[in-house]
Amino acid sequence: MDSAQILLAVMWAGLTVYALLGGADFGGGVWDLLAGRSRAGMPQRRLIEHSIGPVWEANHVWLIFVLVVLWTGFPLAFASVMSTLYIPLTLAALGIIARGAAFAFRKASTELWQQRLFGGAFALSSVLTPFFLGTVAGGIASARVPPGLAAGDVVGSWLNPTSLLGGVLAVLVCAYLAAVYLCDDAARSGTPQLAEGFRRRALLAAVVTGAGALAGIAVLHWDAPRLFSGLIHRALPLVVLSAVLGIASIVLLALRRHLLVRVAAVLAVAAVMWGWPVAQYPAMLPPGLTYQEAAAAPVVTTTVLVVAGVGALLVVPSLVWLFVLQRRMPYDADTSG
């Protein structure tokens, strides 16, 4: 493997972690939106705040890491994506900012109308942000981002069947991950009623996400035939693995094996995440731009790998310890009602 190939794998690993952690945080906002009226939905919203409060900002480290690696290691791909897909990327960035501000202000607000206002902004941006990020993925996967500055259609590149499918699936996957995580968190916190409620939500999200993925097969066959071909050939083992793990998560949810469900859900989503690059490899911007053509000089990619390795030694243990502390934080059920 050359340095560009290794760097590409490292970058995709960072994107996978962001999808699994940041995605669940976005999904928490989805369930916040669907929690119901202020008083009835307060227990769910308190648990969501307790679960994501200490770590939700830290998860964006992975997104920053991915963008920096893409910029320095694959500048042609970075310039092409950013200039063609700047509309959904800007909307996603605004959503991240609005979500963070609203989450912070809601926790500090004392008036009910203020909590409702900031809560609505937090929840709505939690839905729109992954949707726009999903449309970006769909635009790239469906070969609508040619190499070059603003070489693609700045509207059609993300308003198309594959991009809309990607946006909807991104929101569904985020909701599914969040429900699974919250179910486990509620069970560990000694709130069985909340655990049961999020278990039902996780089952619903799993079924709806699976149905959306099945419907997406027809969309990809029609709108992104290259990606479809890669998924049913080279990436087929990962697609099958994801489906098996998804079914396993439903069974484990029915059995109330909360921790095992969490593991199965993580592996199922990770398999899907890696199925995409495997399906289009070696193309980085389909149909023609390979990762070798998009990569910077070998000295640059090697340097970025070294810097990333040093950074991982400093950052990863800190993030792991943060998550360990978060899981050990006691949850006061009395504050939920």
Protein backbone atom coordinates (compact mmCIF):
# COMPACT_ATOMS: atom_id res chain seq x y z
CA MET A 1 0.00 0.00 0.00
CA ASP A 2 1.27 3.48 -0.84
CA SER A 3 0.99 6.44 1.52
CA ALA A 4 -2.00 7.90 -0.34
CA GLN A 5 -3.94 4.67 0.01
CA ILE A 6 -3.16 4.43 3.72
CA LEU A 7 -4.14 8.06 4.23
CA LEU A 8 -7.41 7.47 2.40
CA ALA A 9 -8.19 4.55 4.73
CA VAL A 10 -7.30 6.64 7.79
CA MET A 11 -9.52 9.47 6.59
CA TRP A 12 -12.42 7.08 6.03
CA ALA A 13 -11.92 5.61 9.49
CA GLY A 14 -12.29 9.12 10.90
CA LEU A 15 -15.46 9.65 8.87
CA THR A 16 -16.84 6.35 10.14
CA VAL A 17 -16.22 7.36 13.76
CA TYR A 18 -17.93 10.68 13.11
CA ALA A 19 -20.95 8.89 11.64
CA LEU A 20 -21.18 6.56 14.65
CA LEU A 21 -20.70 9.22 17.35
CA GLY A 22 -21.74 12.51 15.79
CA GLY A 23 -24.55 10.74 13.96
CA ALA A 24 -25.99 9.49 17.23
CA ASP A 25 -25.89 13.03 18.60
CA PHE A 26 -27.85 14.27 15.60
CA GLY A 27 -30.25 11.39 16.14
CA GLY A 28 -30.76 12.52 19.72
CA GLY A 29 -32.07 15.78 18.29
CA VAL A 30 -34.45 13.83 16.07
CA TRP A 31 -35.95 12.09 19.10
CA ASP A 32 -35.98 15.40 20.97
CA LEU A 33 -38.15 16.74 18.16
CA LEU A 34 -40.49 13.73 18.41
CA ALA A 35 -40.61 13.56 22.21
CA GLY A 36 -44.00 15.25 22.43
CA ARG A 37 -45.33 18.18 24.40
CA SER A 38 -43.09 19.98 26.87
CA ARG A 39 -44.17 18.22 30.07
CA ALA A 40 -44.80 14.77 28.58
CA GLY A 41 -41.54 14.81 26.65
CA MET A 42 -39.37 16.13 29.47
CA PRO A 43 -38.06 12.73 30.67
CA GLN A 44 -36.84 11.82 27.17
CA ARG A 45 -35.28 15.25 26.65
CA ARG A 46 -33.50 15.12 30.01
CA LEU A 47 -32.01 11.74 29.16
CA ILE A 48 -30.91 13.00 25.76
CA GLU A 49 -29.23 16.01 27.35
CA HIS A 50 -27.56 13.78 29.95
CA SER A 51 -26.28 11.37 27.31
CA ILE A 52 -24.87 13.82 24.79
CA GLY A 53 -24.07 16.81 27.01
CA PRO A 54 -20.45 15.96 27.93
CA VAL A 55 -19.37 14.65 24.51
CA TRP A 56 -21.43 16.23 21.75
CA GLU A 57 -18.89 18.97 20.91
CA ALA A 58 -15.96 16.54 21.11
CA ASN A 59 -17.50 14.44 18.32
CA HIS A 60 -16.92 17.24 15.80
CA VAL A 61 -13.18 16.66 16.20
CA TRP A 62 -13.60 13.78 13.75
CA LEU A 63 -15.29 15.95 11.14
CA ILE A 64 -12.51 18.53 11.42
CA PHE A 65 -9.94 15.75 11.10
CA VAL A 66 -11.58 14.42 7.93
CA LEU A 67 -11.75 17.87 6.33
CA VAL A 68 -8.11 18.65 7.14
CA VAL A 69 -6.89 15.32 5.76
CA LEU A 70 -8.98 15.75 2.61
CA TRP A 71 -7.66 19.29 2.15
CA THR A 72 -3.98 18.48 2.67
CA GLY A 73 -3.81 14.94 1.33
CA PHE A 74 -6.24 15.13 -1.58
CA PRO A 75 -6.43 18.82 -2.57
CA LEU A 76 -8.00 18.27 -6.00
CA ALA A 77 -10.85 16.24 -4.53
CA PHE A 78 -11.27 18.78 -1.71
CA ALA A 79 -11.47 21.74 -4.11
CA SER A 80 -13.89 19.91 -6.40
CA VAL A 81 -16.26 18.86 -3.63
CA MET A 82 -16.21 22.20 -1.83
CA SER A 83 -16.77 24.29 -4.95
CA THR A 84 -19.50 22.14 -6.48
CA LEU A 85 -21.35 21.18 -3.30
CA TYR A 86 -20.92 24.45 -1.42
CA ILE A 87 -24.67 24.96 -0.99
CA PRO A 88 -25.45 21.80 1.06
CA LEU A 89 -22.08 22.05 2.83
CA THR A 90 -22.83 25.63 3.88
CA LEU A 91 -26.30 24.65 5.05
CA ALA A 92 -24.83 21.75 7.03
CA ALA A 93 -22.26 24.08 8.62
CA LEU A 94 -24.98 26.55 9.57
CA GLY A 95 -26.97 23.66 11.01
CA ILE A 96 -24.04 22.56 13.18
CA ILE A 97 -23.60 26.12 14.47
CA ALA A 98 -27.32 26.66 15.10
CA ARG A 99 -27.61 23.27 16.79
CA GLY A 100 -24.72 23.95 19.14
CA ALA A 101 -25.92 27.41 20.08
CA ALA A 102 -29.50 26.26 20.63
CA PHE A 103 -28.43 23.30 22.76
CA ALA A 104 -26.30 25.54 25.00
CA PHE A 105 -28.94 28.27 25.30
CA ARG A 106 -31.73 25.80 26.09
CA LYS A 107 -29.78 24.38 29.03
CA ALA A 108 -29.19 27.91 30.34
CA SER A 109 -32.76 29.14 29.81
CA THR A 110 -35.23 29.35 32.68
CA GLU A 111 -38.36 30.51 30.85
CA LEU A 112 -40.52 27.86 29.20
CA TRP A 113 -40.94 29.85 25.98
CA GLN A 114 -37.18 30.19 25.68
CA GLN A 115 -36.68 26.46 26.22
CA ARG A 116 -39.26 25.75 23.52
CA LEU A 117 -37.65 28.19 21.10
CA PHE A 118 -34.11 26.91 21.53
CA GLY A 119 -35.31 23.32 21.77
CA GLY A 120 -37.08 23.63 18.45
CA ALA A 121 -33.98 25.12 16.83
CA PHE A 122 -31.82 22.32 18.28
CA ALA A 123 -34.17 19.60 17.10
CA LEU A 124 -34.78 21.03 13.61
CA SER A 125 -31.09 21.58 12.93
CA SER A 126 -30.40 18.04 14.16
CA VAL A 127 -32.60 16.78 11.32
CA LEU A 128 -31.46 19.14 8.58
CA THR A 129 -27.71 18.84 9.19
CA PRO A 130 -27.38 15.09 8.56
CA PHE A 131 -29.81 15.42 5.67
CA PHE A 132 -27.57 17.92 3.89
CA LEU A 133 -24.46 15.88 4.68
CA GLY A 134 -26.24 12.89 3.17
CA THR A 135 -27.00 14.81 -0.01
CA VAL A 136 -23.28 15.60 -0.30
CA ALA A 137 -22.47 11.89 -0.07
CA GLY A 138 -25.12 11.12 -2.67
CA GLY A 139 -23.77 13.72 -5.07
CA ILE A 140 -20.25 12.29 -4.87
CA ALA A 141 -21.39 8.67 -5.08
CA SER A 142 -23.57 9.30 -8.13
CA ALA A 143 -20.66 10.83 -10.08
CA ARG A 144 -22.05 14.36 -10.07
CA VAL A 145 -18.87 16.02 -8.79
CA PRO A 146 -16.32 16.21 -11.62
CA PRO A 147 -12.75 17.30 -10.86
CA GLY A 148 -12.12 21.04 -11.08
CA LEU A 149 -13.32 24.24 -9.45
CA ALA A 150 -17.12 24.42 -9.62
CA ALA A 151 -17.04 22.02 -12.56
CA GLY A 152 -20.32 20.40 -11.57
CA ASP A 153 -23.90 21.62 -11.41
CA VAL A 154 -24.13 23.49 -8.10
CA VAL A 155 -27.84 22.59 -7.79
CA GLY A 156 -28.27 19.30 -9.60
CA SER A 157 -25.22 17.85 -7.87
CA TRP A 158 -27.16 17.55 -4.61
CA LEU A 159 -30.79 17.81 -5.69
CA ASN A 160 -31.11 14.44 -7.40
CA PRO A 161 -32.57 11.01 -6.52
CA THR A 162 -29.36 9.53 -5.07
CA SER A 163 -28.62 12.62 -2.98
CA LEU A 164 -32.16 12.77 -1.62
CA LEU A 165 -31.91 9.07 -0.81
CA GLY A 166 -28.60 9.72 0.95
CA GLY A 167 -30.12 12.56 2.97
CA VAL A 168 -33.14 10.55 4.10
CA LEU A 169 -31.03 7.50 4.98
CA ALA A 170 -28.58 9.68 6.91
CA VAL A 171 -31.39 11.02 9.11
CA LEU A 172 -32.84 7.52 9.60
CA VAL A 173 -29.47 6.01 10.51
CA CYS A 174 -28.81 8.82 12.99
CA ALA A 175 -32.20 8.24 14.61
CA TYR A 176 -31.58 4.48 14.75
CA LEU A 177 -28.16 4.85 16.39
CA ALA A 178 -29.45 7.39 18.89
CA ALA A 179 -32.40 5.22 19.92
CA VAL A 180 -30.10 2.22 20.44
CA TYR A 181 -27.60 4.23 22.47
CA LEU A 182 -30.32 5.92 24.54
CA CYS A 183 -31.97 2.58 25.21
CA ASP A 184 -28.69 1.29 26.66
CA ASP A 185 -28.10 4.53 28.59
CA ALA A 186 -31.59 4.42 30.10
CA ALA A 187 -31.18 0.79 31.15
CA ARG A 188 -27.84 1.54 32.84
CA SER A 189 -29.35 4.60 34.53
CA GLY A 190 -32.10 2.60 36.19
CA THR A 191 -35.01 4.09 34.25
CA PRO A 192 -36.75 1.04 32.73
CA GLN A 193 -39.69 3.02 31.37
CA LEU A 194 -37.37 5.23 29.32
CA ALA A 195 -35.39 2.19 28.21
CA GLU A 196 -38.57 0.50 27.01
CA GLY A 197 -39.68 3.63 25.19
CA PHE A 198 -36.40 4.00 23.34
CA ARG A 199 -36.36 0.26 22.63
CA ARG A 200 -39.64 0.65 20.75
CA ARG A 201 -38.24 3.69 18.94
CA ALA A 202 -35.12 1.73 17.99
CA LEU A 203 -37.22 -1.12 16.61
CA LEU A 204 -39.27 1.32 14.55
CA ALA A 205 -36.16 3.12 13.30
CA ALA A 206 -34.48 -0.19 12.38
CA VAL A 207 -37.47 -1.34 10.35
CA VAL A 208 -37.93 2.01 8.60
CA THR A 209 -34.20 2.30 7.85
CA GLY A 210 -34.14 -1.22 6.44
CA ALA A 211 -37.16 -0.48 4.27
CA GLY A 212 -35.51 2.73 3.07
CA ALA A 213 -32.33 0.86 2.19
CA LEU A 214 -34.30 -1.72 0.21
CA ALA A 215 -36.16 1.00 -1.67
CA GLY A 216 -32.82 2.68 -2.30
CA ILE A 217 -31.65 -0.30 -4.33
CA ALA A 218 -34.04 0.66 -7.11
CA VAL A 219 -32.96 4.31 -6.88
CA LEU A 220 -29.27 3.42 -7.20
CA HIS A 221 -29.93 0.99 -10.05
CA TRP A 222 -31.64 3.76 -11.98
CA ASP A 223 -29.69 6.87 -10.94
CA ALA A 224 -26.22 5.61 -9.91
CA PRO A 225 -25.56 2.42 -11.91
CA ARG A 226 -21.78 2.46 -11.30
CA LEU A 227 -22.26 2.54 -7.54
CA PHE A 228 -25.00 -0.08 -7.76
CA SER A 229 -22.72 -2.39 -9.73
CA GLY A 230 -19.94 -2.00 -7.18
CA LEU A 231 -22.27 -2.70 -4.28
CA ILE A 232 -23.57 -5.97 -5.77
CA HIS A 233 -20.10 -7.17 -6.76
CA ARG A 234 -16.98 -6.00 -4.96
CA ALA A 235 -18.74 -4.63 -1.87
CA LEU A 236 -21.41 -7.34 -1.66
CA PRO A 237 -19.87 -9.05 1.44
CA LEU A 238 -20.06 -5.78 3.35
CA VAL A 239 -23.63 -5.16 2.20
CA VAL A 240 -24.67 -8.65 3.30
CA LEU A 241 -22.82 -8.25 6.61
CA SER A 242 -24.62 -4.98 7.28
CA ALA A 243 -28.01 -6.58 6.54
CA VAL A 244 -27.26 -9.55 8.82
CA LEU A 245 -26.13 -7.27 11.64
CA GLY A 246 -29.19 -5.10 11.16
CA ILE A 247 -31.46 -8.12 11.54
CA ALA A 248 -29.41 -9.24 14.54
CA SER A 249 -29.92 -5.84 16.17
CA ILE A 250 -33.69 -6.21 15.79
CA VAL A 251 -33.58 -9.64 17.42
CA LEU A 252 -31.38 -8.34 20.23
CA LEU A 253 -33.75 -5.42 20.76
CA ALA A 254 -36.62 -7.88 21.08
CA LEU A 255 -34.56 -9.79 23.67
CA ARG A 256 -33.65 -6.55 25.47
CA ARG A 257 -29.91 -7.20 25.21
CA HIS A 258 -29.10 -3.52 25.25
CA LEU A 259 -25.30 -3.58 25.17
CA LEU A 260 -25.15 -6.23 22.44
CA VAL A 261 -27.63 -4.22 20.39
CA ARG A 262 -25.28 -1.27 20.63
CA VAL A 263 -22.40 -3.35 19.30
CA ALA A 264 -24.48 -4.82 16.46
CA ALA A 265 -25.79 -1.40 15.43
CA VAL A 266 -22.29 0.10 15.35
CA LEU A 267 -20.94 -2.75 13.22
CA ALA A 268 -23.94 -2.63 10.86
CA VAL A 269 -23.50 1.07 10.17
CA ALA A 270 -19.71 0.71 9.88
CA ALA A 271 -20.17 -2.03 7.27
CA VAL A 272 -22.39 0.26 5.21
CA MET A 273 -19.89 3.10 5.55
CA TRP A 274 -17.06 0.96 4.20
CA GLY A 275 -19.19 -0.60 1.50
CA TRP A 276 -19.34 2.72 -0.36
CA PRO A 277 -15.57 3.28 -0.88
CA VAL A 278 -15.03 -0.40 -1.61
CA ALA A 279 -17.76 -0.27 -4.27
CA GLN A 280 -16.19 2.67 -6.14
CA TYR A 281 -12.50 1.93 -5.49
CA PRO A 282 -10.09 3.16 -6.83
CA ALA A 283 -12.21 6.15 -7.89
CA MET A 284 -12.34 8.98 -5.39
CA LEU A 285 -14.58 11.18 -7.51
CA PRO A 286 -16.43 8.82 -9.83
CA PRO A 287 -16.31 8.02 -12.59
CA GLY A 288 -12.73 8.86 -13.47
CA LEU A 289 -10.67 10.58 -10.76
CA THR A 290 -8.73 7.95 -8.80
CA TYR A 291 -7.26 8.48 -5.36
CA GLN A 292 -3.75 8.44 -6.90
CA GLU A 293 -4.66 11.30 -9.25
CA ALA A 294 -6.33 13.28 -6.46
CA ALA A 295 -3.53 12.78 -3.93
CA ALA A 296 -0.86 15.31 -3.09
CA ALA A 297 2.84 14.52 -3.54
CA PRO A 298 4.07 11.44 -1.63
CA VAL A 299 6.09 13.61 0.75
CA VAL A 300 2.90 15.46 1.70
CA THR A 301 0.76 12.35 2.25
CA THR A 302 3.54 10.73 4.29
CA THR A 303 3.91 13.85 6.42
CA VAL A 304 0.17 14.01 7.02
CA LEU A 305 0.21 10.37 8.11
CA VAL A 306 3.00 11.05 10.60
CA VAL A 307 1.24 14.11 11.99
CA ALA A 308 -2.06 12.19 12.21
CA GLY A 309 -0.32 9.40 14.09
CA VAL A 310 1.20 11.79 16.60
CA GLY A 311 -2.11 13.56 17.01
CA ALA A 312 -3.90 10.25 17.57
CA LEU A 313 -1.52 9.42 20.43
CA LEU A 314 -2.50 12.69 22.08
CA VAL A 315 -6.18 12.99 21.24
CA VAL A 316 -7.61 9.45 21.12
CA PRO A 317 -6.80 8.50 24.75
CA SER A 318 -8.34 11.78 25.92
CA LEU A 319 -11.52 11.15 23.94
CA VAL A 320 -11.73 7.56 25.18
CA TRP A 321 -11.37 8.75 28.77
CA LEU A 322 -14.04 11.39 28.17
CA PHE A 323 -16.48 8.72 26.99
CA VAL A 324 -15.60 6.48 29.94
CA LEU A 325 -16.35 9.33 32.34
CA GLN A 326 -19.55 10.09 30.49
CA ARG A 327 -20.76 6.51 30.91
CA ARG A 328 -19.95 6.66 34.62
CA MET A 329 -21.86 9.88 35.21
CA PRO A 330 -24.81 9.22 37.55
CA TYR A 331 -28.22 10.05 36.15
CA ASP A 332 -30.69 11.61 38.57
CA ALA A 333 -34.03 10.30 37.46
CA ASP A 334 -35.79 12.89 39.57
CA THR A 335 -34.63 15.63 37.17
CA SER A 336 -36.46 13.90 34.36
CA GLY A 337 -39.90 14.78 35.42
